[in-house]
PDB file of N, CA and C in Angstrom:
ATOM      1  N   MET A   1       0.862   3.494  14.563  1.00  0.00           N
ATOM      2  CA  MET A   1       2.009   3.445  13.684  1.00  0.00           C
ATOM      3  C   MET A   1       3.269   2.998  14.431  1.00  0.00           C
ATOM      4  N   LYS A   2       3.423   3.450  15.689  1.00  0.00           N
ATOM      5  CA  LYS A   2       4.609   3.046  16.441  1.00  0.00           C
ATOM      6  C   LYS A   2       4.679   1.530  16.595  1.00  0.00           C
ATOM      7  N   VAL A   3       3.550   0.922  16.942  1.00  0.00           N
ATOM      8  CA  VAL A   3       3.499  -0.528  17.137  1.00  0.00           C
ATOM      9  C   VAL A   3       3.770  -1.244  15.821  1.00  0.00           C
ATOM     10  N   SER A   4       3.148  -0.774  14.737  1.00  0.00           N
ATOM     11  CA  SER A   4       3.333  -1.399  13.421  1.00  0.00           C
ATOM     12  C   SER A   4       4.773  -1.279  12.951  1.00  0.00           C
ATOM     13  N   ARG A   5       5.356  -0.117  13.104  1.00  0.00           N
ATOM     14  CA  ARG A   5       6.747   0.079  12.658  1.00  0.00           C
ATOM     15  C   ARG A   5       7.698  -0.797  13.461  1.00  0.00           C
ATOM     16  N   LYS A   6       7.469  -0.914  14.773  1.00  0.00           N
ATOM     17  CA  LYS A   6       8.309  -1.770  15.610  1.00  0.00           C
ATOM     18  C   LYS A   6       8.180  -3.229  15.165  1.00  0.00           C
ATOM     19  N   PHE A   7       6.957  -3.701  14.974  1.00  0.00           N
ATOM     20  CA  PHE A   7       6.716  -5.073  14.516  1.00  0.00           C
ATOM     21  C   PHE A   7       7.393  -5.302  13.165  1.00  0.00           C
ATOM     22  N   ASN A   8       7.232  -4.356  12.263  1.00  0.00           N
ATOM     23  CA  ASN A   8       7.811  -4.489  10.930  1.00  0.00           C
ATOM     24  C   ASN A   8       9.334  -4.555  10.977  1.00  0.00           C
ATOM     25  N   LEU A   9       9.945  -3.710  11.796  1.00  0.00           N
ATOM     26  CA  LEU A   9      11.404  -3.758  11.940  1.00  0.00           C
ATOM     27  C   LEU A   9      11.868  -5.116  12.469  1.00  0.00           C
ATOM     28  N   GLU A  10      11.167  -5.629  13.464  1.00  0.00           N
ATOM     29  CA  GLU A  10      11.527  -6.911  14.059  1.00  0.00           C
ATOM     30  C   GLU A  10      11.321  -8.081  13.102  1.00  0.00           C
ATOM     31  N   ASN A  11      10.438  -7.912  12.096  1.00  0.00           N
ATOM     32  CA  ASN A  11      10.098  -9.002  11.186  1.00  0.00           C
ATOM     33  C   ASN A  11      10.537  -8.746   9.746  1.00  0.00           C
ATOM     34  N   ASN A  12      11.414  -7.761   9.562  1.00  0.00           N
ATOM     35  CA  ASN A  12      11.963  -7.442   8.246  1.00  0.00           C
ATOM     36  C   ASN A  12      10.856  -7.169   7.212  1.00  0.00           C
ATOM     37  N   ILE A  13       9.846  -6.430   7.644  1.00  0.00           N
ATOM     38  CA  ILE A  13       8.745  -6.049   6.765  1.00  0.00           C
ATOM     39  C   ILE A  13       8.922  -4.584   6.393  1.00  0.00           C
ATOM     40  N   THR A  14       8.759  -4.306   5.123  1.00  0.00           N
ATOM     41  CA  THR A  14       8.785  -2.924   4.660  1.00  0.00           C
ATOM     42  C   THR A  14       7.475  -2.653   3.933  1.00  0.00           C
ATOM     43  N   GLY A  15       7.214  -1.382   3.656  1.00  0.00           N
ATOM     44  CA  GLY A  15       6.000  -1.083   2.921  1.00  0.00           C
ATOM     45  C   GLY A  15       5.559   0.349   3.027  1.00  0.00           C
ATOM     46  N   CYS A  16       4.321   0.538   2.628  1.00  0.00           N
ATOM     47  CA  CYS A  16       3.760   1.866   2.510  1.00  0.00           C
ATOM     48  C   CYS A  16       2.283   1.809   2.911  1.00  0.00           C
ATOM     49  N   LEU A  17       1.823   2.811   3.627  1.00  0.00           N
ATOM     50  CA  LEU A  17       0.417   2.919   4.013  1.00  0.00           C
ATOM     51  C   LEU A  17      -0.076   4.293   3.579  1.00  0.00           C
ATOM     52  N   LEU A  18      -1.061   4.297   2.694  1.00  0.00           N
ATOM     53  CA  LEU A  18      -1.660   5.537   2.226  1.00  0.00           C
ATOM     54  C   LEU A  18      -3.071   5.643   2.793  1.00  0.00           C
ATOM     55  N   TYR A  19      -3.442   6.846   3.205  1.00  0.00           N
ATOM     56  CA  TYR A  19      -4.756   7.080   3.803  1.00  0.00           C
ATOM     57  C   TYR A  19      -5.441   8.214   3.057  1.00  0.00           C
ATOM     58  N   TYR A  20      -6.722   7.999   2.731  1.00  0.00           N
ATOM     59  CA  TYR A  20      -7.496   9.045   2.060  1.00  0.00           C
ATOM     60  C   TYR A  20      -8.965   8.880   2.413  1.00  0.00           C
ATOM     61  N   LYS A  21      -9.509   9.862   3.076  1.00  0.00           N
ATOM     62  CA  LYS A  21     -10.938   9.907   3.406  1.00  0.00           C
ATOM     63  C   LYS A  21     -11.468   8.584   3.950  1.00  0.00           C
ATOM     64  N   ARG A  22     -10.877   8.138   5.038  1.00  0.00           N
ATOM     65  CA  ARG A  22     -11.312   6.941   5.772  1.00  0.00           C
ATOM     66  C   ARG A  22     -11.034   5.630   5.034  1.00  0.00           C
ATOM     67  N   GLU A  23     -10.164   5.662   4.031  1.00  0.00           N
ATOM     68  CA  GLU A  23      -9.773   4.455   3.324  1.00  0.00           C
ATOM     69  C   GLU A  23      -8.258   4.333   3.359  1.00  0.00           C
ATOM     70  N   PHE A  24      -7.808   3.087   3.440  1.00  0.00           N
ATOM     71  CA  PHE A  24      -6.380   2.819   3.482  1.00  0.00           C
ATOM     72  C   PHE A  24      -5.997   1.938   2.310  1.00  0.00           C
ATOM     73  N   LEU A  25      -4.797   2.161   1.821  1.00  0.00           N
ATOM     74  CA  LEU A  25      -4.197   1.276   0.830  1.00  0.00           C
ATOM     75  C   LEU A  25      -2.801   0.984   1.340  1.00  0.00           C
ATOM     76  N   GLN A  26      -2.480  -0.289   1.480  1.00  0.00           N
ATOM     77  CA  GLN A  26      -1.214  -0.660   2.089  1.00  0.00           C
ATOM     78  C   GLN A  26      -0.462  -1.649   1.214  1.00  0.00           C
ATOM     79  N   ILE A  27       0.832  -1.436   1.128  1.00  0.00           N
ATOM     80  CA  ILE A  27       1.732  -2.362   0.460  1.00  0.00           C
ATOM     81  C   ILE A  27       2.631  -2.941   1.541  1.00  0.00           C
ATOM     82  N   LEU A  28       2.694  -4.270   1.605  1.00  0.00           N
ATOM     83  CA  LEU A  28       3.553  -4.958   2.565  1.00  0.00           C
ATOM     84  C   LEU A  28       4.569  -5.796   1.805  1.00  0.00           C
ATOM     85  N   GLU A  29       5.820  -5.725   2.235  1.00  0.00           N
ATOM     86  CA  GLU A  29       6.892  -6.477   1.592  1.00  0.00           C
ATOM     87  C   GLU A  29       7.658  -7.241   2.656  1.00  0.00           C
ATOM     88  N   GLY A  30       7.965  -8.488   2.370  1.00  0.00           N
ATOM     89  CA  GLY A  30       8.730  -9.293   3.303  1.00  0.00           C
ATOM     90  C   GLY A  30       8.585 -10.763   2.991  1.00  0.00           C
ATOM     91  N   GLU A  31       9.030 -11.592   3.935  1.00  0.00           N
ATOM     92  CA  GLU A  31       8.916 -13.037   3.766  1.00  0.00           C
ATOM     93  C   GLU A  31       7.446 -13.413   3.636  1.00  0.00           C
ATOM     94  N   GLU A  32       7.144 -14.257   2.669  1.00  0.00           N
ATOM     95  CA  GLU A  32       5.754 -14.576   2.340  1.00  0.00           C
ATOM     96  C   GLU A  32       4.936 -15.054   3.540  1.00  0.00           C
ATOM     97  N   THR A  33       5.465 -15.983   4.315  1.00  0.00           N
ATOM     98  CA  THR A  33       4.677 -16.512   5.442  1.00  0.00           C
ATOM     99  C   THR A  33       4.402 -15.434   6.485  1.00  0.00           C
ATOM    100  N   VAL A  34       5.370 -14.579   6.732  1.00  0.00           N
ATOM    101  CA  VAL A  34       5.193 -13.501   7.710  1.00  0.00           C
ATOM    102  C   VAL A  34       4.142 -12.507   7.208  1.00  0.00           C
ATOM    103  N   ILE A  35       4.214 -12.160   5.915  1.00  0.00           N
ATOM    104  CA  ILE A  35       3.255 -11.217   5.339  1.00  0.00           C
ATOM    105  C   ILE A  35       1.845 -11.800   5.364  1.00  0.00           C
ATOM    106  N   LEU A  36       1.707 -13.076   5.020  1.00  0.00           N
ATOM    107  CA  LEU A  36       0.377 -13.697   5.021  1.00  0.00           C
ATOM    108  C   LEU A  36      -0.207 -13.774   6.431  1.00  0.00           C
ATOM    109  N   GLU A  37       0.626 -14.086   7.415  1.00  0.00           N
ATOM    110  CA  GLU A  37       0.156 -14.094   8.809  1.00  0.00           C
ATOM    111  C   GLU A  37      -0.303 -12.699   9.224  1.00  0.00           C
ATOM    112  N   LEU A  38       0.485 -11.689   8.878  1.00  0.00           N
ATOM    113  CA  LEU A  38       0.130 -10.314   9.205  1.00  0.00           C
ATOM    114  C   LEU A  38      -1.164  -9.912   8.494  1.00  0.00           C
ATOM    115  N   TYR A  39      -1.285 -10.269   7.239  1.00  0.00           N
ATOM    116  CA  TYR A  39      -2.502  -9.948   6.485  1.00  0.00           C
ATOM    117  C   TYR A  39      -3.733 -10.574   7.151  1.00  0.00           C
ATOM    118  N   HIS A  40      -3.627 -11.807   7.590  1.00  0.00           N
ATOM    119  CA  HIS A  40      -4.761 -12.460   8.255  1.00  0.00           C
ATOM    120  C   HIS A  40      -5.095 -11.779   9.582  1.00  0.00           C
ATOM    121  N   ARG A  41      -4.079 -11.296  10.298  1.00  0.00           N
ATOM    122  CA  ARG A  41      -4.354 -10.538  11.526  1.00  0.00           C
ATOM    123  C   ARG A  41      -5.088  -9.236  11.209  1.00  0.00           C
ATOM    124  N   ILE A  42      -4.675  -8.577  10.140  1.00  0.00           N
ATOM    125  CA  ILE A  42      -5.342  -7.330   9.725  1.00  0.00           C
ATOM    126  C   ILE A  42      -6.789  -7.628   9.350  1.00  0.00           C
ATOM    127  N   GLU A  43      -7.005  -8.714   8.594  1.00  0.00           N
ATOM    128  CA  GLU A  43      -8.363  -9.106   8.188  1.00  0.00           C
ATOM    129  C   GLU A  43      -9.282  -9.317   9.384  1.00  0.00           C
ATOM    130  N   GLU A  44      -8.753  -9.912  10.437  1.00  0.00           N
ATOM    131  CA  GLU A  44      -9.570 -10.258  11.592  1.00  0.00           C
ATOM    132  C   GLU A  44      -9.681  -9.140  12.620  1.00  0.00           C
ATOM    133  N   ASP A  45      -8.894  -8.100  12.466  1.00  0.00           N
ATOM    134  CA  ASP A  45      -8.922  -6.961  13.371  1.00  0.00           C
ATOM    135  C   ASP A  45     -10.252  -6.230  13.205  1.00  0.00           C
ATOM    136  N   LYS A  46     -10.999  -6.086  14.284  1.00  0.00           N
ATOM    137  CA  LYS A  46     -12.335  -5.482  14.251  1.00  0.00           C
ATOM    138  C   LYS A  46     -12.313  -4.002  13.848  1.00  0.00           C
ATOM    139  N   ARG A  47     -11.149  -3.367  13.893  1.00  0.00           N
ATOM    140  CA  ARG A  47     -11.051  -1.962  13.490  1.00  0.00           C
ATOM    141  C   ARG A  47     -11.078  -1.803  11.973  1.00  0.00           C
ATOM    142  N   HIS A  48     -10.850  -2.910  11.249  1.00  0.00           N
ATOM    143  CA  HIS A  48     -10.784  -2.863   9.787  1.00  0.00           C
ATOM    144  C   HIS A  48     -12.053  -3.450   9.177  1.00  0.00           C
ATOM    145  N   HIS A  49     -12.511  -2.834   8.100  1.00  0.00           N
ATOM    146  CA  HIS A  49     -13.713  -3.291   7.401  1.00  0.00           C
ATOM    147  C   HIS A  49     -13.400  -3.387   5.905  1.00  0.00           C
ATOM    148  N   HIS A  50     -13.977  -4.361   5.255  1.00  0.00           N
ATOM    149  CA  HIS A  50     -13.834  -4.517   3.802  1.00  0.00           C
ATOM    150  C   HIS A  50     -12.366  -4.658   3.386  1.00  0.00           C
ATOM    151  N   VAL A  51     -11.626  -5.463   4.096  1.00  0.00           N
ATOM    152  CA  VAL A  51     -10.226  -5.710   3.759  1.00  0.00           C
ATOM    153  C   VAL A  51     -10.183  -6.539   2.478  1.00  0.00           C
ATOM    154  N   THR A  52      -9.432  -6.064   1.514  1.00  0.00           N
ATOM    155  CA  THR A  52      -9.357  -6.731   0.221  1.00  0.00           C
ATOM    156  C   THR A  52      -7.902  -6.861  -0.200  1.00  0.00           C
ATOM    157  N   LEU A  53      -7.499  -8.066  -0.546  1.00  0.00           N
ATOM    158  CA  LEU A  53      -6.158  -8.280  -1.086  1.00  0.00           C
ATOM    159  C   LEU A  53      -6.206  -7.933  -2.564  1.00  0.00           C
ATOM    160  N   LEU A  54      -5.440  -6.915  -2.942  1.00  0.00           N
ATOM    161  CA  LEU A  54      -5.456  -6.465  -4.329  1.00  0.00           C
ATOM    162  C   LEU A  54      -4.453  -7.199  -5.192  1.00  0.00           C
ATOM    163  N   TYR A  55      -3.328  -7.535  -4.591  1.00  0.00           N
ATOM    164  CA  TYR A  55      -2.233  -8.035  -5.412  1.00  0.00           C
ATOM    165  C   TYR A  55      -1.268  -8.801  -4.527  1.00  0.00           C
ATOM    166  N   ASN A  56      -0.804  -9.929  -5.003  1.00  0.00           N
ATOM    167  CA  ASN A  56       0.156 -10.741  -4.256  1.00  0.00           C
ATOM    168  C   ASN A  56       1.161 -11.293  -5.252  1.00  0.00           C
ATOM    169  N   GLU A  57       2.396 -10.848  -5.133  1.00  0.00           N
ATOM    170  CA  GLU A  57       3.426 -11.288  -6.061  1.00  0.00           C
ATOM    171  C   GLU A  57       4.771 -11.331  -5.354  1.00  0.00           C
ATOM    172  N   LYS A  58       5.572 -12.301  -5.717  1.00  0.00           N
ATOM    173  CA  LYS A  58       6.945 -12.336  -5.221  1.00  0.00           C
ATOM    174  C   LYS A  58       7.764 -11.349  -6.036  1.00  0.00           C
ATOM    175  N   LEU A  59       8.490 -10.491  -5.331  1.00  0.00           N
ATOM    176  CA  LEU A  59       9.302  -9.475  -5.986  1.00  0.00           C
ATOM    177  C   LEU A  59      10.776  -9.775  -5.779  1.00  0.00           C
ATOM    178  N   GLU A  60      11.563  -9.465  -6.774  1.00  0.00           N
ATOM    179  CA  GLU A  60      13.015  -9.624  -6.659  1.00  0.00           C
ATOM    180  C   GLU A  60      13.611  -8.494  -5.811  1.00  0.00           C
ATOM    181  N   VAL A  61      13.053  -7.305  -5.958  1.00  0.00           N
ATOM    182  CA  VAL A  61      13.570  -6.122  -5.269  1.00  0.00           C
ATOM    183  C   VAL A  61      12.397  -5.408  -4.603  1.00  0.00           C
ATOM    184  N   LYS A  62      12.572  -5.032  -3.342  1.00  0.00           N
ATOM    185  CA  LYS A  62      11.521  -4.307  -2.622  1.00  0.00           C
ATOM    186  C   LYS A  62      11.361  -2.899  -3.185  1.00  0.00           C
ATOM    187  N   ALA A  63      10.121  -2.435  -3.238  1.00  0.00           N
ATOM    188  CA  ALA A  63       9.833  -1.074  -3.679  1.00  0.00           C
ATOM    189  C   ALA A  63      10.102  -0.057  -2.566  1.00  0.00           C
ATOM    190  N   PHE A  64      10.008  -0.494  -1.304  1.00  0.00           N
ATOM    191  CA  PHE A  64      10.187   0.399  -0.146  1.00  0.00           C
ATOM    192  C   PHE A  64      11.228  -0.183   0.822  1.00  0.00           C
ATOM    193  N   PRO A  65      12.442  -0.439   0.351  1.00  0.00           N
ATOM    194  CA  PRO A  65      13.422  -1.152   1.177  1.00  0.00           C
ATOM    195  C   PRO A  65      13.849  -0.414   2.446  1.00  0.00           C
ATOM    196  N   ASN A  66      13.702   0.893   2.470  1.00  0.00           N
ATOM    197  CA  ASN A  66      14.170   1.683   3.611  1.00  0.00           C
ATOM    198  C   ASN A  66      13.047   2.158   4.525  1.00  0.00           C
ATOM    199  N   TRP A  67      11.832   1.654   4.318  1.00  0.00           N
ATOM    200  CA  TRP A  67      10.693   2.102   5.100  1.00  0.00           C
ATOM    201  C   TRP A  67      10.096   0.935   5.861  1.00  0.00           C
ATOM    202  N   SER A  68      10.164   0.964   7.199  1.00  0.00           N
ATOM    203  CA  SER A  68       9.470  -0.068   7.976  1.00  0.00           C
ATOM    204  C   SER A  68       7.963   0.100   7.808  1.00  0.00           C
ATOM    205  N   MET A  69       7.513   1.317   7.596  1.00  0.00           N
ATOM    206  CA  MET A  69       6.138   1.588   7.196  1.00  0.00           C
ATOM    207  C   MET A  69       6.037   3.072   6.858  1.00  0.00           C
ATOM    208  N   ALA A  70       6.223   3.373   5.587  1.00  0.00           N
ATOM    209  CA  ALA A  70       6.030   4.747   5.143  1.00  0.00           C
ATOM    210  C   ALA A  70       4.548   5.065   5.284  1.00  0.00           C
ATOM    211  N   TYR A  71       4.239   6.280   5.646  1.00  0.00           N
ATOM    212  CA  TYR A  71       2.836   6.672   5.825  1.00  0.00           C
ATOM    213  C   TYR A  71       2.611   8.039   5.210  1.00  0.00           C
ATOM    214  N   LYS A  72       1.493   8.158   4.534  1.00  0.00           N
ATOM    215  CA  LYS A  72       1.117   9.456   3.972  1.00  0.00           C
ATOM    216  C   LYS A  72      -0.396   9.569   3.974  1.00  0.00           C
ATOM    217  N   GLU A  73      -0.895  10.654   4.541  1.00  0.00           N
ATOM    218  CA  GLU A  73      -2.311  10.971   4.416  1.00  0.00           C
ATOM    219  C   GLU A  73      -2.441  11.785   3.137  1.00  0.00           C
ATOM    220  N   LEU A  74      -3.134  11.222   2.176  1.00  0.00           N
ATOM    221  CA  LEU A  74      -3.245  11.858   0.874  1.00  0.00           C
ATOM    222  C   LEU A  74      -4.193  13.044   0.911  1.00  0.00           C
ATOM    223  N   THR A  75      -3.824  14.057   0.163  1.00  0.00           N
ATOM    224  CA  THR A  75      -4.689  15.220  -0.025  1.00  0.00           C
ATOM    225  C   THR A  75      -5.477  15.017  -1.322  1.00  0.00           C
ATOM    226  N   ASP A  76      -6.441  15.860  -1.543  1.00  0.00           N
ATOM    227  CA  ASP A  76      -7.166  15.806  -2.811  1.00  0.00           C
ATOM    228  C   ASP A  76      -6.214  16.035  -3.983  1.00  0.00           C
ATOM    229  N   ASP A  77      -5.206  16.895  -3.801  1.00  0.00           N
ATOM    230  CA  ASP A  77      -4.219  17.136  -4.859  1.00  0.00           C
ATOM    231  C   ASP A  77      -3.418  15.873  -5.174  1.00  0.00           C
ATOM    232  N   ASP A  78      -3.031  15.118  -4.133  1.00  0.00           N
ATOM    233  CA  ASP A  78      -2.303  13.865  -4.344  1.00  0.00           C
ATOM    234  C   ASP A  78      -3.141  12.892  -5.165  1.00  0.00           C
ATOM    235  N   VAL A  79      -4.406  12.772  -4.798  1.00  0.00           N
ATOM    236  CA  VAL A  79      -5.292  11.844  -5.506  1.00  0.00           C
ATOM    237  C   VAL A  79      -5.525  12.318  -6.932  1.00  0.00           C
ATOM    238  N   ASP A  80      -5.598  13.640  -7.122  1.00  0.00           N
ATOM    239  CA  ASP A  80      -5.737  14.171  -8.480  1.00  0.00           C
ATOM    240  C   ASP A  80      -4.535  13.789  -9.339  1.00  0.00           C
ATOM    241  N   LYS A  81      -3.331  13.797  -8.753  1.00  0.00           N
ATOM    242  CA  LYS A  81      -2.134  13.357  -9.489  1.00  0.00           C
ATOM    243  C   LYS A  81      -2.292  11.912  -9.944  1.00  0.00           C
ATOM    244  N   LEU A  82      -2.774  11.068  -9.047  1.00  0.00           N
ATOM    245  CA  LEU A  82      -2.985   9.666  -9.404  1.00  0.00           C
ATOM    246  C   LEU A  82      -4.053   9.544 -10.483  1.00  0.00           C
ATOM    247  N   LYS A  83      -5.118  10.314 -10.370  1.00  0.00           N
ATOM    248  CA  LYS A  83      -6.204  10.251 -11.344  1.00  0.00           C
ATOM    249  C   LYS A  83      -5.704  10.598 -12.742  1.00  0.00           C
ATOM    250  N   VAL A  84      -4.893  11.637 -12.828  1.00  0.00           N
ATOM    251  CA  VAL A  84      -4.385  12.068 -14.131  1.00  0.00           C
ATOM    252  C   VAL A  84      -3.583  10.956 -14.785  1.00  0.00           C
ATOM    253  N   HIS A  85      -2.719  10.334 -14.010  1.00  0.00           N
ATOM    254  CA  HIS A  85      -1.824   9.330 -14.582  1.00  0.00           C
ATOM    255  C   HIS A  85      -2.462   7.958 -14.720  1.00  0.00           C
ATOM    256  N   LEU A  86      -3.436   7.661 -13.914  1.00  0.00           N
ATOM    257  CA  LEU A  86      -4.074   6.347 -13.980  1.00  0.00           C
ATOM    258  C   LEU A  86      -5.500   6.414 -14.508  1.00  0.00           C
ATOM    259  N   ASN A  87      -5.975   7.640 -14.815  1.00  0.00           N
ATOM    260  CA  ASN A  87      -7.327   7.825 -15.333  1.00  0.00           C
ATOM    261  C   ASN A  87      -8.367   7.240 -14.377  1.00  0.00           C
ATOM    262  N   LEU A  88      -8.307   7.637 -13.115  1.00  0.00           N
ATOM    263  CA  LEU A  88      -9.213   7.114 -12.090  1.00  0.00           C
ATOM    264  C   LEU A  88     -10.265   8.150 -11.717  1.00  0.00           C
ATOM    265  N   ASN A  89     -11.429   7.674 -11.361  1.00  0.00           N
ATOM    266  CA  ASN A  89     -12.487   8.561 -10.899  1.00  0.00           C
ATOM    267  C   ASN A  89     -12.514   8.679  -9.387  1.00  0.00           C
ATOM    268  N   GLU A  90     -12.025   7.668  -8.687  1.00  0.00           N
ATOM    269  CA  GLU A  90     -11.990   7.719  -7.238  1.00  0.00           C
ATOM    270  C   GLU A  90     -10.846   6.855  -6.726  1.00  0.00           C
ATOM    271  N   PHE A  91     -10.430   7.120  -5.518  1.00  0.00           N
ATOM    272  CA  PHE A  91      -9.296   6.425  -4.909  1.00  0.00           C
ATOM    273  C   PHE A  91      -9.472   4.912  -4.941  1.00  0.00           C
ATOM    274  N   THR A  92     -10.661   4.432  -4.654  1.00  0.00           N
ATOM    275  CA  THR A  92     -10.882   2.989  -4.608  1.00  0.00           C
ATOM    276  C   THR A  92     -10.798   2.337  -5.981  1.00  0.00           C
ATOM    277  N   SER A  93     -10.791   3.116  -7.039  1.00  0.00           N
ATOM    278  CA  SER A  93     -10.629   2.553  -8.376  1.00  0.00           C
ATOM    279  C   SER A  93      -9.243   1.957  -8.579  1.00  0.00           C
ATOM    280  N   LEU A  94      -8.344   2.214  -7.638  1.00  0.00           N
ATOM    281  CA  LEU A  94      -7.022   1.587  -7.721  1.00  0.00           C
ATOM    282  C   LEU A  94      -7.147   0.069  -7.774  1.00  0.00           C
ATOM    283  N   ILE A  95      -8.196  -0.471  -7.179  1.00  0.00           N
ATOM    284  CA  ILE A  95      -8.396  -1.919  -7.185  1.00  0.00           C
ATOM    285  C   ILE A  95      -8.393  -2.437  -8.614  1.00  0.00           C
ATOM    286  N   SER A  96      -9.212  -1.846  -9.462  1.00  0.00           N
ATOM    287  CA  SER A  96      -9.274  -2.342 -10.834  1.00  0.00           C
ATOM    288  C   SER A  96      -7.983  -2.052 -11.587  1.00  0.00           C
ATOM    289  N   ALA A  97      -7.354  -0.929 -11.318  1.00  0.00           N
ATOM    290  CA  ALA A  97      -6.104  -0.616 -12.009  1.00  0.00           C
ATOM    291  C   ALA A  97      -5.001  -1.596 -11.628  1.00  0.00           C
ATOM    292  N   ILE A  98      -4.917  -1.926 -10.359  1.00  0.00           N
ATOM    293  CA  ILE A  98      -3.871  -2.835  -9.907  1.00  0.00           C
ATOM    294  C   ILE A  98      -4.141  -4.248 -10.384  1.00  0.00           C
ATOM    295  N   ASP A  99      -5.383  -4.659 -10.383  1.00  0.00           N
ATOM    296  CA  ASP A  99      -5.710  -6.026 -10.790  1.00  0.00           C
ATOM    297  C   ASP A  99      -5.499  -6.283 -12.267  1.00  0.00           C
ATOM    298  N   THR A 100      -5.564  -5.267 -13.104  1.00  0.00           N
ATOM    299  CA  THR A 100      -5.630  -5.530 -14.532  1.00  0.00           C
ATOM    300  C   THR A 100      -4.393  -5.164 -15.331  1.00  0.00           C
ATOM    301  N   SER A 101      -3.466  -4.400 -14.789  1.00  0.00           N
ATOM    302  CA  SER A 101      -2.391  -3.927 -15.645  1.00  0.00           C
ATOM    303  C   SER A 101      -1.068  -3.797 -14.908  1.00  0.00           C
ATOM    304  N   THR A 102      -0.049  -4.411 -15.452  1.00  0.00           N
ATOM    305  CA  THR A 102       1.292  -4.275 -14.890  1.00  0.00           C
ATOM    306  C   THR A 102       1.744  -2.822 -14.934  1.00  0.00           C
ATOM    307  N   ILE A 103       1.414  -2.112 -15.985  1.00  0.00           N
ATOM    308  CA  ILE A 103       1.777  -0.706 -16.094  1.00  0.00           C
ATOM    309  C   ILE A 103       1.116   0.083 -14.973  1.00  0.00           C
ATOM    310  N   SER A 104      -0.139  -0.200 -14.688  1.00  0.00           N
ATOM    311  CA  SER A 104      -0.827   0.494 -13.596  1.00  0.00           C
ATOM    312  C   SER A 104      -0.163   0.212 -12.261  1.00  0.00           C
ATOM    313  N   LYS A 105       0.237  -1.050 -12.047  1.00  0.00           N
ATOM    314  CA  LYS A 105       0.915  -1.387 -10.787  1.00  0.00           C
ATOM    315  C   LYS A 105       2.194  -0.577 -10.651  1.00  0.00           C
ATOM    316  N   LYS A 106       2.952  -0.515 -11.731  1.00  0.00           N
ATOM    317  CA  LYS A 106       4.213   0.236 -11.687  1.00  0.00           C
ATOM    318  C   LYS A 106       3.956   1.720 -11.486  1.00  0.00           C
ATOM    319  N   LEU A 107       2.942   2.247 -12.155  1.00  0.00           N
ATOM    320  CA  LEU A 107       2.605   3.653 -11.960  1.00  0.00           C
ATOM    321  C   LEU A 107       2.178   3.937 -10.530  1.00  0.00           C
ATOM    322  N   PHE A 108       1.357   3.037  -9.969  1.00  0.00           N
ATOM    323  CA  PHE A 108       0.949   3.240  -8.587  1.00  0.00           C
ATOM    324  C   PHE A 108       2.158   3.271  -7.660  1.00  0.00           C
ATOM    325  N   LEU A 109       3.065   2.309  -7.824  1.00  0.00           N
ATOM    326  CA  LEU A 109       4.262   2.294  -6.988  1.00  0.00           C
ATOM    327  C   LEU A 109       5.056   3.579  -7.167  1.00  0.00           C
ATOM    328  N   TYR A 110       5.237   3.992  -8.405  1.00  0.00           N
ATOM    329  CA  TYR A 110       5.998   5.207  -8.685  1.00  0.00           C
ATOM    330  C   TYR A 110       5.366   6.422  -8.014  1.00  0.00           C
ATOM    331  N   PHE A 111       4.057   6.581  -8.185  1.00  0.00           N
ATOM    332  CA  PHE A 111       3.413   7.766  -7.630  1.00  0.00           C
ATOM    333  C   PHE A 111       3.260   7.698  -6.124  1.00  0.00           C
ATOM    334  N   SER A 112       3.063   6.513  -5.564  1.00  0.00           N
ATOM    335  CA  SER A 112       3.000   6.439  -4.113  1.00  0.00           C
ATOM    336  C   SER A 112       4.367   6.789  -3.526  1.00  0.00           C
ATOM    337  N   GLN A 113       5.445   6.334  -4.179  1.00  0.00           N
ATOM    338  CA  GLN A 113       6.782   6.702  -3.704  1.00  0.00           C
ATOM    339  C   GLN A 113       7.025   8.190  -3.846  1.00  0.00           C
ATOM    340  N   SER A 114       6.610   8.789  -4.974  1.00  0.00           N
ATOM    341  CA  SER A 114       6.841  10.229  -5.165  1.00  0.00           C
ATOM    342  C   SER A 114       5.994  11.052  -4.208  1.00  0.00           C
ATOM    343  N   ILE A 115       4.770  10.614  -3.907  1.00  0.00           N
ATOM    344  CA  ILE A 115       3.919  11.317  -2.945  1.00  0.00           C
ATOM    345  C   ILE A 115       4.561  11.299  -1.568  1.00  0.00           C
ATOM    346  N   LEU A 116       5.145  10.161  -1.195  1.00  0.00           N
ATOM    347  CA  LEU A 116       5.781  10.055   0.107  1.00  0.00           C
ATOM    348  C   LEU A 116       7.001  10.974   0.219  1.00  0.00           C
ATOM    349  N   LYS A 117       7.661  11.242  -0.890  1.00  0.00           N
ATOM    350  CA  LYS A 117       8.840  12.109  -0.874  1.00  0.00           C
ATOM    351  C   LYS A 117       8.460  13.563  -0.691  1.00  0.00           C
ATOM    352  N   ASP A 118       7.239  13.935  -1.121  1.00  0.00           N
ATOM    353  CA  ASP A 118       6.787  15.349  -1.027  1.00  0.00           C
ATOM    354  C   ASP A 118       6.567  15.775   0.408  1.00  0.00           C
TER     355      ASP A 118
END
């Protein structure tokens, strides 16, 4: 995390990293070329498996403007909160929720931000 946060600060990248039972979900915000280069480095990093780009959109306003890399290890209670609001059976179901619905994307952002505040 120290290395990632330092890199992100130097490259004006903000975002959020959520961890739950050996799975990660990450939101990266910044200049498109820098984010794409970073994403490709993550893809090729041997420590990562099954890297999947869920969503790529240009945003007018960052969702995590004050976080070089917010981090939260989710508890079962945190995931239950997401399940209730997004009607999910498992953490990885976020893929289908994010891919198919703008409301789901907004809910995910809202709840990931609220989880980080707790």
